[in-house]
Protein backbone atom coordinates (compact mmCIF):
# COMPACT_ATOMS: atom_id res chain seq x y z
CA MET A 1 4.37 4.72 6.50
CA ARG A 2 7.33 6.68 5.08
CA TRP A 3 8.59 6.81 1.50
CA LEU A 4 11.85 8.28 0.20
CA VAL A 5 12.74 9.64 -3.25
CA LEU A 6 16.37 9.87 -4.34
CA LEU A 7 17.09 12.98 -6.43
CA GLU A 8 20.00 12.77 -8.86
CA PRO A 9 23.08 14.77 -7.79
CA ARG A 10 23.72 16.51 -11.11
CA GLY A 11 23.99 20.09 -9.92
CA GLU A 12 20.35 20.86 -10.70
CA LEU A 13 17.10 18.96 -10.37
CA THR A 14 16.77 16.81 -13.48
CA THR A 15 13.46 16.20 -15.23
CA GLY A 16 13.77 12.48 -14.49
CA SER A 17 14.13 13.19 -10.76
CA LEU A 18 11.24 15.65 -10.73
CA VAL A 19 8.92 13.25 -12.57
CA ALA A 20 9.88 10.35 -10.28
CA LEU A 21 9.20 12.61 -7.30
CA ALA A 22 5.85 13.83 -8.63
CA THR A 23 4.76 10.27 -9.48
CA THR A 24 5.69 9.06 -6.00
CA ALA A 25 4.02 12.08 -4.39
CA ARG A 26 0.75 11.30 -6.13
CA SER A 27 0.84 7.67 -4.97
CA ALA A 28 1.90 8.72 -1.47
CA ARG A 29 -1.14 10.98 -1.14
CA LEU A 30 -3.44 8.11 -2.09
CA ALA A 31 -1.69 5.68 0.26
CA GLY A 32 -1.40 8.11 3.16
CA ALA A 33 2.39 7.81 3.19
CA GLU A 34 4.74 10.49 4.53
CA LEU A 35 7.04 11.57 1.72
CA HIS A 36 10.75 12.37 2.12
CA ALA A 37 13.38 13.27 -0.49
CA LEU A 38 17.18 13.16 -0.50
CA TRP A 39 19.22 15.82 -2.31
CA THR A 40 23.00 15.46 -2.54
CA GLY A 41 23.64 17.74 -5.50
CA GLY A 42 24.52 20.98 -3.71
CA GLN A 43 22.70 23.61 -1.68
CA ALA A 44 19.12 22.57 -0.91
CA GLU A 45 17.86 26.12 -1.44
CA ASP A 46 18.76 25.80 -5.13
CA VAL A 47 15.99 23.26 -5.75
CA MET A 48 13.36 24.29 -3.20
CA SER A 49 11.22 26.32 -5.62
CA ARG A 50 10.69 23.28 -7.85
CA LEU A 51 9.55 21.17 -4.88
CA ARG A 52 6.73 23.54 -3.95
CA GLY A 53 3.32 21.93 -3.53
CA LEU A 54 4.44 18.33 -4.02
CA GLY A 55 3.60 17.25 -0.48
CA ILE A 56 7.15 16.49 0.66
CA ALA A 57 7.41 16.43 4.44
CA THR A 58 11.21 16.73 4.64
CA LEU A 59 14.01 17.34 2.17
CA HIS A 60 17.17 15.68 3.46
CA ALA A 61 20.21 17.59 2.23
CA ALA A 62 23.81 16.48 2.42
CA PRO A 63 26.04 19.14 0.84
CA ALA A 64 29.47 17.61 0.45
CA ASP A 65 31.74 19.14 -2.16
CA HIS A 66 34.54 16.81 -1.04
CA ILE A 67 32.54 13.68 -2.03
CA PRO A 68 32.37 12.58 -5.69
CA PRO A 69 28.67 13.11 -6.59
CA LEU A 70 28.56 10.13 -8.96
CA SER A 71 30.14 7.66 -6.54
CA HIS A 72 27.31 5.59 -5.09
CA GLU A 73 29.85 3.74 -2.95
CA ALA A 74 30.73 6.94 -1.08
CA TRP A 75 27.08 7.78 -0.40
CA LEU A 76 25.87 4.29 0.59
CA PRO A 77 26.52 4.70 4.35
CA LEU A 78 24.36 7.84 4.50
CA LEU A 79 21.62 6.27 2.39
CA THR A 80 21.57 3.13 4.51
CA GLU A 81 21.49 5.08 7.76
CA LEU A 82 18.69 7.34 6.52
CA VAL A 83 16.53 4.43 5.41
CA LYS A 84 16.96 2.59 8.71
CA ASN A 85 16.53 5.62 11.00
CA LEU A 86 13.36 6.78 9.24
CA GLU A 87 12.05 3.23 8.83
CA ILE A 88 11.51 3.86 5.13
CA GLU A 89 9.23 1.31 3.44
CA LEU A 90 9.64 2.43 -0.20
CA ILE A 91 12.62 4.06 -1.95
CA VAL A 92 12.15 5.52 -5.44
CA GLY A 93 14.65 6.96 -7.91
CA PRO A 94 14.71 7.93 -11.60
CA ALA A 95 15.46 5.15 -14.08
CA SER A 96 18.58 6.92 -15.32
CA ALA A 97 22.01 5.32 -15.42
CA LEU A 98 22.86 7.06 -12.15
CA GLY A 99 19.55 6.33 -10.45
CA LYS A 100 19.63 2.65 -11.36
CA SER A 101 23.24 2.34 -10.21
CA TRP A 102 22.59 3.96 -6.82
CA LEU A 103 19.46 1.93 -6.09
CA ALA A 104 21.02 -1.34 -7.20
CA ALA A 105 23.90 -0.76 -4.79
CA LEU A 106 21.48 0.20 -2.01
CA ALA A 107 19.32 -2.87 -2.65
CA ALA A 108 22.37 -5.08 -2.29
CA ARG A 109 23.35 -3.33 0.96
CA LEU A 110 19.82 -3.68 2.41
CA ASP A 111 19.10 -7.13 0.91
CA ALA A 112 15.90 -5.59 -0.47
CA GLU A 113 13.57 -6.07 -3.43
CA LEU A 114 14.33 -3.88 -6.46
CA ALA A 115 12.17 -3.23 -9.53
CA GLN A 116 14.08 -1.35 -12.23
CA ASP A 117 12.75 0.63 -15.21
CA CYS A 118 9.12 0.79 -14.12
CA ILE A 119 6.53 2.94 -15.90
CA ALA A 120 3.88 3.27 -13.17
CA LEU A 121 3.67 3.26 -9.39
CA GLY A 122 0.68 2.65 -7.17
CA THR A 123 -0.40 0.67 -4.15
CA THR A 124 -2.76 -2.18 -3.42
CA ALA A 125 -5.74 -1.72 -1.09
CA ASN A 126 -3.58 -2.52 1.95
CA GLY A 127 -0.80 -0.11 0.95
CA THR A 128 1.62 -2.59 -0.63
CA PRO A 129 3.63 -0.91 -3.45
CA LEU A 130 2.49 -1.97 -6.91
CA VAL A 131 4.56 -1.23 -10.01
CA ARG A 132 4.13 -1.79 -13.74
CA LYS A 133 7.21 -2.93 -15.65
CA PRO A 134 7.71 -3.64 -19.36
CA LEU A 135 9.05 -7.10 -20.21
CA TYR A 136 10.46 -8.57 -23.43
CA ALA A 137 11.22 -5.14 -24.92
CA GLY A 138 7.77 -3.86 -24.06
CA LYS A 139 5.77 -6.73 -25.57
CA LEU A 140 4.35 -7.47 -22.11
CA LEU A 141 3.47 -5.28 -19.14
CA ALA A 142 3.78 -6.93 -15.74
CA ASP A 143 2.16 -5.67 -12.54
CA LEU A 144 4.39 -6.54 -9.58
CA ARG A 145 3.66 -6.38 -5.86
CA LEU A 146 6.68 -5.49 -3.72
CA GLU A 147 5.86 -7.19 -0.43
CA ARG A 148 9.24 -7.02 1.33
CA GLN A 149 10.25 -3.84 3.12
CA PRO A 150 11.99 -1.73 2.19
CA ALA A 151 11.19 -1.99 -1.50
CA LEU A 152 13.17 -0.10 -4.15
CA VAL A 153 11.88 1.17 -7.49
CA THR A 154 13.30 3.17 -10.39
CA LEU A 155 10.80 4.99 -12.60
CA ARG A 156 11.16 5.93 -16.23
CA PRO A 157 10.32 9.54 -17.01
CA ALA A 158 6.69 9.83 -18.10
CA SER A 159 4.95 12.42 -20.20
CA PHE A 160 2.38 13.90 -17.83
CA GLN A 161 1.60 17.14 -16.04
CA ILE A 162 3.29 17.67 -12.68
CA GLU A 163 0.51 17.85 -10.08
CA ARG A 164 0.95 20.41 -7.29
CA SER A 165 -1.32 21.17 -4.36
CA GLY A 166 -0.78 24.55 -2.76
CA ASP A 167 2.54 26.31 -2.21
CA ALA A 168 3.90 24.42 0.81
CA LEU A 169 7.64 23.83 0.90
CA PRO A 170 9.27 20.88 2.65
CA ALA A 171 11.25 21.24 5.84
CA ILE A 172 15.02 20.83 5.39
CA ALA A 173 17.10 18.41 7.44
CA TYR A 174 20.85 18.71 6.93
CA HIS A 175 23.17 15.72 7.21
CA THR A 176 26.94 15.72 7.55
CA MET A 177 28.99 13.58 5.22
CA LYS A 178 32.28 12.24 6.48
CA ASN A 179 35.25 11.56 4.24
CA PRO A 180 34.82 8.01 2.95
CA ASN A 181 37.59 5.56 3.68
CA ASN A 182 38.85 2.61 1.66
CA LEU A 183 36.71 3.19 -1.41
CA ARG A 184 37.15 0.36 -3.89
CA SER A 185 36.46 2.61 -6.86
CA SER A 186 37.13 6.22 -7.74
CA ILE A 187 36.00 8.57 -10.50
CA LYS A 188 38.89 10.28 -12.27
CA GLU A 189 37.00 12.22 -14.93
CA VAL A 190 33.46 12.81 -16.17
CA VAL A 191 33.16 13.41 -19.91
CA LYS A 192 29.84 14.84 -21.02
CA VAL A 193 28.72 13.95 -24.54
CA SER A 194 26.18 16.30 -26.00
CA ALA A 195 23.02 14.62 -27.31
CA GLY A 196 21.82 17.60 -29.34
CA MET A 197 20.24 20.92 -28.47
CA ALA A 198 18.79 19.37 -25.32
CA GLU A 199 19.56 16.38 -23.14
CA LEU A 200 17.62 13.29 -24.19
CA ALA A 201 16.30 12.58 -20.71
CA ASP A 202 14.92 16.11 -20.31
CA ALA A 203 13.89 16.90 -23.89
CA ARG A 204 10.26 17.62 -24.71
CA ILE A 205 11.02 17.03 -28.41
CA VAL A 206 13.28 14.28 -29.77
CA VAL A 207 14.36 13.80 -33.39
CA SER A 208 15.85 10.36 -34.10
CA GLY A 209 17.58 8.81 -37.08
CA GLY A 210 17.94 5.17 -38.01
CA ARG A 211 19.34 2.93 -40.71
CA GLY A 212 17.69 5.13 -43.32
CA MET A 213 20.24 7.88 -42.60
CA GLY A 214 22.62 5.93 -44.80
CA GLY A 215 25.92 6.98 -43.22
CA ALA A 216 27.82 9.07 -40.70
CA ASP A 217 28.00 12.10 -43.01
CA HIS A 218 24.25 12.57 -43.38
CA TRP A 219 23.19 13.71 -39.90
CA ALA A 220 23.49 17.46 -40.47
CA VAL A 221 19.90 17.63 -41.67
CA LEU A 222 18.60 16.15 -38.42
CA GLN A 223 20.90 18.38 -36.36
CA GLU A 224 19.44 21.40 -38.15
CA LEU A 225 15.91 20.21 -37.43
CA CYS A 226 16.90 19.81 -33.77
CA GLN A 227 18.15 23.39 -33.74
CA GLU A 228 14.89 24.68 -35.21
CA LEU A 229 12.77 22.75 -32.70
CA GLY A 230 15.04 22.98 -29.65
CA ALA A 231 15.06 19.18 -29.72
CA ALA A 232 17.45 16.44 -28.67
CA LEU A 233 19.05 14.16 -31.22
CA GLY A 234 18.43 10.42 -30.87
CA ALA A 235 19.30 7.33 -32.87
CA SER A 236 18.39 3.70 -33.28
CA ARG A 237 20.76 0.90 -32.38
CA ALA A 238 21.34 0.15 -36.08
CA ALA A 239 22.77 3.64 -36.59
CA VAL A 240 24.93 3.39 -33.46
CA ASP A 241 26.22 -0.11 -34.29
CA ALA A 242 27.16 1.10 -37.78
CA GLY A 243 29.40 3.73 -36.16
CA TRP A 244 27.44 6.65 -37.57
CA ILE A 245 26.70 8.30 -34.23
CA HIS A 246 27.79 8.02 -30.58
CA HIS A 247 26.08 5.56 -28.24
CA ALA A 248 25.00 8.49 -26.03
CA HIS A 249 22.26 9.15 -28.58
CA GLN A 250 20.90 5.58 -28.65
CA ILE A 251 17.24 5.09 -27.76
CA GLY A 252 15.79 1.66 -27.15
CA GLN A 253 16.03 -1.46 -25.07
CA THR A 254 19.83 -1.22 -24.82
CA GLY A 255 19.90 2.57 -24.91
CA LYS A 256 17.89 5.30 -23.26
CA ALA A 257 14.17 5.50 -22.60
CA VAL A 258 12.58 8.86 -23.45
CA SER A 259 9.09 10.29 -22.94
CA PRO A 260 8.92 13.51 -24.94
CA ASP A 261 5.81 15.39 -25.99
CA LEU A 262 6.88 14.89 -29.62
CA TYR A 263 9.05 12.12 -31.11
CA ILE A 264 10.07 12.34 -34.77
CA ALA A 265 11.44 9.06 -36.15
CA CYS A 266 13.40 9.50 -39.39
CA GLY A 267 14.43 6.44 -41.38
CA ILE A 268 13.64 4.13 -38.45
CA SER A 269 11.99 0.80 -39.27
CA GLY A 270 10.30 0.33 -35.89
CA ALA A 271 12.03 -2.71 -34.39
CA VAL A 272 10.55 -3.72 -31.06
CA GLN A 273 13.86 -2.98 -29.31
CA HIS A 274 13.67 0.66 -30.44
CA LEU A 275 9.99 0.98 -29.60
CA ALA A 276 10.80 -0.04 -26.03
CA GLY A 277 12.72 3.21 -25.58
CA MET A 278 10.17 5.64 -27.04
CA ARG A 279 6.87 3.90 -26.38
CA SER A 280 5.73 6.49 -23.84
CA ALA A 281 6.17 9.47 -26.17
CA HIS A 282 3.00 11.56 -26.27
CA LYS A 283 2.92 12.08 -30.05
CA VAL A 284 4.98 10.20 -32.65
CA VAL A 285 5.69 11.32 -36.21
CA ALA A 286 7.31 8.73 -38.52
CA ILE A 287 9.12 9.53 -41.77
CA ASN A 288 10.08 6.52 -43.89
CA LYS A 289 10.08 5.79 -47.59
CA ASP A 290 8.96 2.20 -46.99
CA PRO A 291 5.15 2.23 -46.61
CA THR A 292 5.25 -1.20 -44.95
CA ALA A 293 7.68 -0.16 -42.20
CA GLU A 294 6.58 -1.32 -38.75
CA ILE A 295 7.01 2.20 -37.33
CA PHE A 296 3.81 3.25 -39.12
CA GLN A 297 1.86 0.89 -36.84
CA HIS A 298 3.08 2.84 -33.80
CA CYS A 299 2.86 6.49 -34.83
CA ASP A 300 0.22 9.20 -34.67
CA TYR A 301 1.26 10.76 -37.97
CA GLY A 302 3.09 8.97 -40.78
CA ILE A 303 4.86 10.47 -43.79
CA VAL A 304 5.81 8.09 -46.60
CA GLY A 305 8.76 9.70 -48.33
CA ASP A 306 12.51 10.19 -48.47
CA LEU A 307 13.63 11.79 -45.21
CA PHE A 308 16.25 13.80 -47.09
CA GLU A 309 13.41 15.47 -49.00
CA VAL A 310 10.82 15.66 -46.22
CA VAL A 311 13.02 16.97 -43.38
CA PRO A 312 14.42 19.94 -45.38
CA MET A 313 10.83 20.90 -46.23
CA LEU A 314 9.96 20.80 -42.53
CA ILE A 315 12.96 22.97 -41.71
CA GLN A 316 12.03 25.46 -44.44
CA GLU A 317 8.46 25.68 -43.13
CA LEU A 318 9.64 26.18 -39.53
CA LYS A 319 11.97 28.97 -40.61
CA ALA A 320 9.18 30.61 -42.62
CA GLN A 321 6.83 30.51 -39.63
CA ARG A 322 9.48 31.99 -37.36
CA THR A 323 10.17 34.78 -39.84
CA GLN A 324 6.46 35.49 -40.18
CA ALA A 325 6.01 35.58 -36.40
CA ALA A 326 8.90 38.03 -36.05
């Protein structure tokens, strides 16, 4: 039994890729599966230290500076060949925009089952992959058996400790990429939009604003809080739809899913669509002047008050603590 994890080609190993790999490694140990990983983001040696002790048998590396890293079409022949030659039974990737795009294209090429945006991975008693997937914006959790081989899964990042066993490093197998011919699509430019002090997908702390922000000119207070905490800046769909902030910051059913250690929701009512994107946060702090807001039913700590009064007090206290520590 062999499983394969696709690592995002973004120049460095992303948190989403590492968490998907660690989750799969844990399930592979229980199922007795041989674990492989594919890295197409550059030199394999650049990521080896972070793969230590995860139980990976082989890291398949395909350095190819001449191939657009975000073009799943260009990489599909290598992916397909690797899956077939190794007789891979399960393929896992991070539930990022890139990971979902690559695995959807691969599922179509292989005519395989695909479960997107899953929050847990395991196996049945006979080794059949079993995943848990939120439905209806997280109102329901469905356990799905993937009985056709190969099966494909994308995993949301989860807030848990990476489990390592020993210091063993995987073997490296290098693959040669040929120049792709007759590509039907090409990438002309990649524009990176900053989501705050840290990237949303990788952030351990996220500060989000909602309809209670009141306008596009009022976000400086949250940006300052992000700077003090080293946090990423998020937003609800209501704030994005109003044109107050770029869609890159949107968290929720139609935005990004995050799993930080701390999530601070400012002026967010708690609509189920938003909860779907931050449900797996470890600790949630809600600030809202409406004591009946739904968000208070889904937080660990709630502050009833005007965010434009509460957040500056938080910033002042953080600065005072930093000064005292210095």
